Amino acid sequence: MANKLPISPMIPFPTGDQNNLVSWAQLLIKMLRTQFSLISNRTNAMLAADGTEAAIAPVLLASYTVATVPAAASFTGGIIYVSNGTLNKRLAVSDGTNWRWPDGNIVS
């Protein structure tokens, strides 16, 4: 699971001393670069909601076995790859109560 981005990143406050001001500016730049990097990596990993951009690589789904699928209620609308499914039963979708195969049957 990816790390969550901080809602309110800690931003250092400068002190009155000029030497401290330079140190503060260097620290601030370092922190901002880290935050912008995290945000841009997240943003670039998502698809545009309006379909104006396409993925540049295959979408990697979380992989589970039939026995290890997570609680469907935690992932309503989610899609997973089931590594030990059979025939056309490799992808499953959560309806909020159960994981279902493409034919509508419950993963079991």
C-alpha atoms as a PDB file:
ATOM      1  CA  MET A   1       0.000   0.000   0.000  1.00  0.00           C
ATOM      2  CA  ALA A   2       1.260   3.438  -0.890  1.00  0.00           C
ATOM      3  CA  ASN A   3       2.029   5.919   1.834  1.00  0.00           C
ATOM      4  CA  LYS A   4      -0.629   8.563   2.365  1.00  0.00           C
ATOM      5  CA  LEU A   5       0.304  12.125   1.587  1.00  0.00           C
ATOM      6  CA  PRO A   6       0.284  14.416   4.614  1.00  0.00           C
ATOM      7  CA  ILE A   7      -2.758  16.697   4.754  1.00  0.00           C
ATOM      8  CA  SER A   8      -0.788  19.465   6.428  1.00  0.00           C
ATOM      9  CA  PRO A   9       2.942  18.985   5.871  1.00  0.00           C
ATOM     10  CA  MET A  10       5.130  20.529   8.538  1.00  0.00           C
ATOM     11  CA  ILE A  11       6.657  23.732   7.230  1.00  0.00           C
ATOM     12  CA  PRO A  12       9.541  25.178   9.217  1.00  0.00           C
ATOM     13  CA  PHE A  13       9.340  28.795  10.345  1.00  0.00           C
ATOM     14  CA  PRO A  14      12.335  31.107   9.965  1.00  0.00           C
ATOM     15  CA  THR A  15      14.091  32.842  12.805  1.00  0.00           C
ATOM     16  CA  GLY A  16      15.484  36.383  12.663  1.00  0.00           C
ATOM     17  CA  ASP A  17      19.167  35.450  12.233  1.00  0.00           C
ATOM     18  CA  GLN A  18      20.405  35.681   8.599  1.00  0.00           C
ATOM     19  CA  ASN A  19      22.419  32.451   8.881  1.00  0.00           C
ATOM     20  CA  ASN A  20      19.313  30.726  10.189  1.00  0.00           C
ATOM     21  CA  LEU A  21      17.333  32.247   7.323  1.00  0.00           C
ATOM     22  CA  VAL A  22      19.638  30.578   4.773  1.00  0.00           C
ATOM     23  CA  SER A  23      19.366  27.254   6.600  1.00  0.00           C
ATOM     24  CA  TRP A  24      15.608  27.685   6.791  1.00  0.00           C
ATOM     25  CA  ALA A  25      15.359  28.384   3.045  1.00  0.00           C
ATOM     26  CA  GLN A  26      17.450  25.314   2.223  1.00  0.00           C
ATOM     27  CA  LEU A  27      15.311  23.136   4.476  1.00  0.00           C
ATOM     28  CA  LEU A  28      12.108  24.596   3.013  1.00  0.00           C
ATOM     29  CA  ILE A  29      13.259  23.909  -0.547  1.00  0.00           C
ATOM     30  CA  LYS A  30      14.158  20.333   0.364  1.00  0.00           C
ATOM     31  CA  MET A  31      10.775  19.768   2.017  1.00  0.00           C
ATOM     32  CA  LEU A  32       8.863  21.327  -0.886  1.00  0.00           C
ATOM     33  CA  ARG A  33      10.734  19.198  -3.422  1.00  0.00           C
ATOM     34  CA  THR A  34       9.809  16.078  -1.448  1.00  0.00           C
ATOM     35  CA  GLN A  35       6.145  17.083  -1.213  1.00  0.00           C
ATOM     36  CA  PHE A  36       5.891  18.042  -4.891  1.00  0.00           C
ATOM     37  CA  SER A  37       7.571  14.784  -5.867  1.00  0.00           C
ATOM     38  CA  LEU A  38       5.046  12.772  -3.840  1.00  0.00           C
ATOM     39  CA  ILE A  39       2.146  14.712  -5.313  1.00  0.00           C
ATOM     40  CA  SER A  40       3.371  14.446  -8.907  1.00  0.00           C
ATOM     41  CA  ASN A  41       4.030  10.711  -8.571  1.00  0.00           C
ATOM     42  CA  ARG A  42       0.476  10.216  -7.284  1.00  0.00           C
ATOM     43  CA  THR A  43      -0.997  12.451  -9.962  1.00  0.00           C
ATOM     44  CA  ASN A  44       0.897  10.759 -12.770  1.00  0.00           C
ATOM     45  CA  ALA A  45      -0.218   7.356 -11.538  1.00  0.00           C
ATOM     46  CA  MET A  46      -3.892   8.218 -12.002  1.00  0.00           C
ATOM     47  CA  LEU A  47      -5.929   8.313 -15.155  1.00  0.00           C
ATOM     48  CA  ALA A  48      -7.740  11.492 -16.108  1.00  0.00           C
ATOM     49  CA  ALA A  49     -11.420  11.243 -15.162  1.00  0.00           C
ATOM     50  CA  ASP A  50     -12.563  12.734 -18.462  1.00  0.00           C
ATOM     51  CA  GLY A  51     -10.652  10.201 -20.572  1.00  0.00           C
ATOM     52  CA  THR A  52      -8.444  12.808 -22.243  1.00  0.00           C
ATOM     53  CA  GLU A  53      -5.325  10.882 -21.261  1.00  0.00           C
ATOM     54  CA  ALA A  54      -4.567   7.221 -21.636  1.00  0.00           C
ATOM     55  CA  ALA A  55      -2.398   5.018 -19.470  1.00  0.00           C
ATOM     56  CA  ILE A  56       1.112   4.587 -20.833  1.00  0.00           C
ATOM     57  CA  ALA A  57       1.487   1.153 -19.273  1.00  0.00           C
ATOM     58  CA  PRO A  58      -0.802  -1.682 -18.195  1.00  0.00           C
ATOM     59  CA  VAL A  59      -2.772  -1.089 -15.011  1.00  0.00           C
ATOM     60  CA  LEU A  60      -1.463  -3.419 -12.330  1.00  0.00           C
ATOM     61  CA  LEU A  61      -4.194  -4.957 -10.206  1.00  0.00           C
ATOM     62  CA  ALA A  62      -3.716  -6.310  -6.707  1.00  0.00           C
ATOM     63  CA  SER A  63      -3.401 -10.095  -6.876  1.00  0.00           C
ATOM     64  CA  TYR A  64      -5.133 -12.521  -4.510  1.00  0.00           C
ATOM     65  CA  THR A  65      -6.093 -16.177  -4.406  1.00  0.00           C
ATOM     66  CA  VAL A  66      -9.717 -17.205  -3.950  1.00  0.00           C
ATOM     67  CA  ALA A  67      -8.929 -17.892  -0.294  1.00  0.00           C
ATOM     68  CA  THR A  68      -7.253 -14.530   0.348  1.00  0.00           C
ATOM     69  CA  VAL A  69      -9.552 -11.960  -1.321  1.00  0.00           C
ATOM     70  CA  PRO A  70     -10.048  -8.976   1.012  1.00  0.00           C
ATOM     71  CA  ALA A  71     -13.388  -7.940   2.459  1.00  0.00           C
ATOM     72  CA  ALA A  72     -15.582  -6.824  -0.440  1.00  0.00           C
ATOM     73  CA  ALA A  73     -17.186  -4.109   1.703  1.00  0.00           C
ATOM     74  CA  SER A  74     -13.832  -2.350   1.987  1.00  0.00           C
ATOM     75  CA  PHE A  75     -13.438  -2.073  -1.796  1.00  0.00           C
ATOM     76  CA  THR A  76     -16.878  -1.410  -3.304  1.00  0.00           C
ATOM     77  CA  GLY A  77     -16.421  -1.052  -7.064  1.00  0.00           C
ATOM     78  CA  GLY A  78     -12.851  -2.353  -6.863  1.00  0.00           C
ATOM     79  CA  ILE A  79     -11.327  -4.806  -9.322  1.00  0.00           C
ATOM     80  CA  ILE A  80      -8.772  -7.453  -8.353  1.00  0.00           C
ATOM     81  CA  TYR A  81      -6.867 -10.211 -10.114  1.00  0.00           C
ATOM     82  CA  VAL A  82      -7.521 -13.698  -8.746  1.00  0.00           C
ATOM     83  CA  SER A  83      -4.451 -15.783  -9.495  1.00  0.00           C
ATOM     84  CA  ASN A  84      -6.093 -19.183  -9.070  1.00  0.00           C
ATOM     85  CA  GLY A  85      -9.371 -18.466 -10.856  1.00  0.00           C
ATOM     86  CA  THR A  86     -10.372 -20.694 -13.749  1.00  0.00           C
ATOM     87  CA  LEU A  87     -11.333 -20.072 -17.387  1.00  0.00           C
ATOM     88  CA  ASN A  88     -12.711 -16.519 -17.581  1.00  0.00           C
ATOM     89  CA  LYS A  89     -12.628 -16.219 -13.808  1.00  0.00           C
ATOM     90  CA  ARG A  90      -9.471 -14.226 -13.203  1.00  0.00           C
ATOM     91  CA  LEU A  91     -10.885 -10.750 -12.586  1.00  0.00           C
ATOM     92  CA  ALA A  92     -13.314 -10.058  -9.766  1.00  0.00           C
ATOM     93  CA  VAL A  93     -15.359  -6.961  -8.923  1.00  0.00           C
ATOM     94  CA  SER A  94     -16.638  -5.962  -5.493  1.00  0.00           C
ATOM     95  CA  ASP A  95     -20.344  -5.137  -5.285  1.00  0.00           C
ATOM     96  CA  GLY A  96     -19.864  -3.976  -1.702  1.00  0.00           C
ATOM     97  CA  THR A  97     -21.013  -7.293  -0.270  1.00  0.00           C
ATOM     98  CA  ASN A  98     -19.233  -9.962  -2.347  1.00  0.00           C
ATOM     99  CA  TRP A  99     -16.480 -10.316  -4.869  1.00  0.00           C
ATOM    100  CA  ARG A 100     -18.057 -11.409  -8.138  1.00  0.00           C
ATOM    101  CA  TRP A 101     -16.653 -13.024 -11.243  1.00  0.00           C
ATOM    102  CA  PRO A 102     -17.444 -11.397 -14.638  1.00  0.00           C
ATOM    103  CA  ASP A 103     -20.395 -13.820 -15.025  1.00  0.00           C
ATOM    104  CA  GLY A 104     -21.945 -12.507 -11.801  1.00  0.00           C
ATOM    105  CA  ASN A 105     -21.248 -15.550  -9.624  1.00  0.00           C
ATOM    106  CA  ILE A 106     -19.744 -15.013  -6.186  1.00  0.00           C
ATOM    107  CA  VAL A 107     -16.041 -15.749  -5.794  1.00  0.00           C
ATOM    108  CA  SER A 108     -15.794 -18.824  -3.578  1.00  0.00           C
END
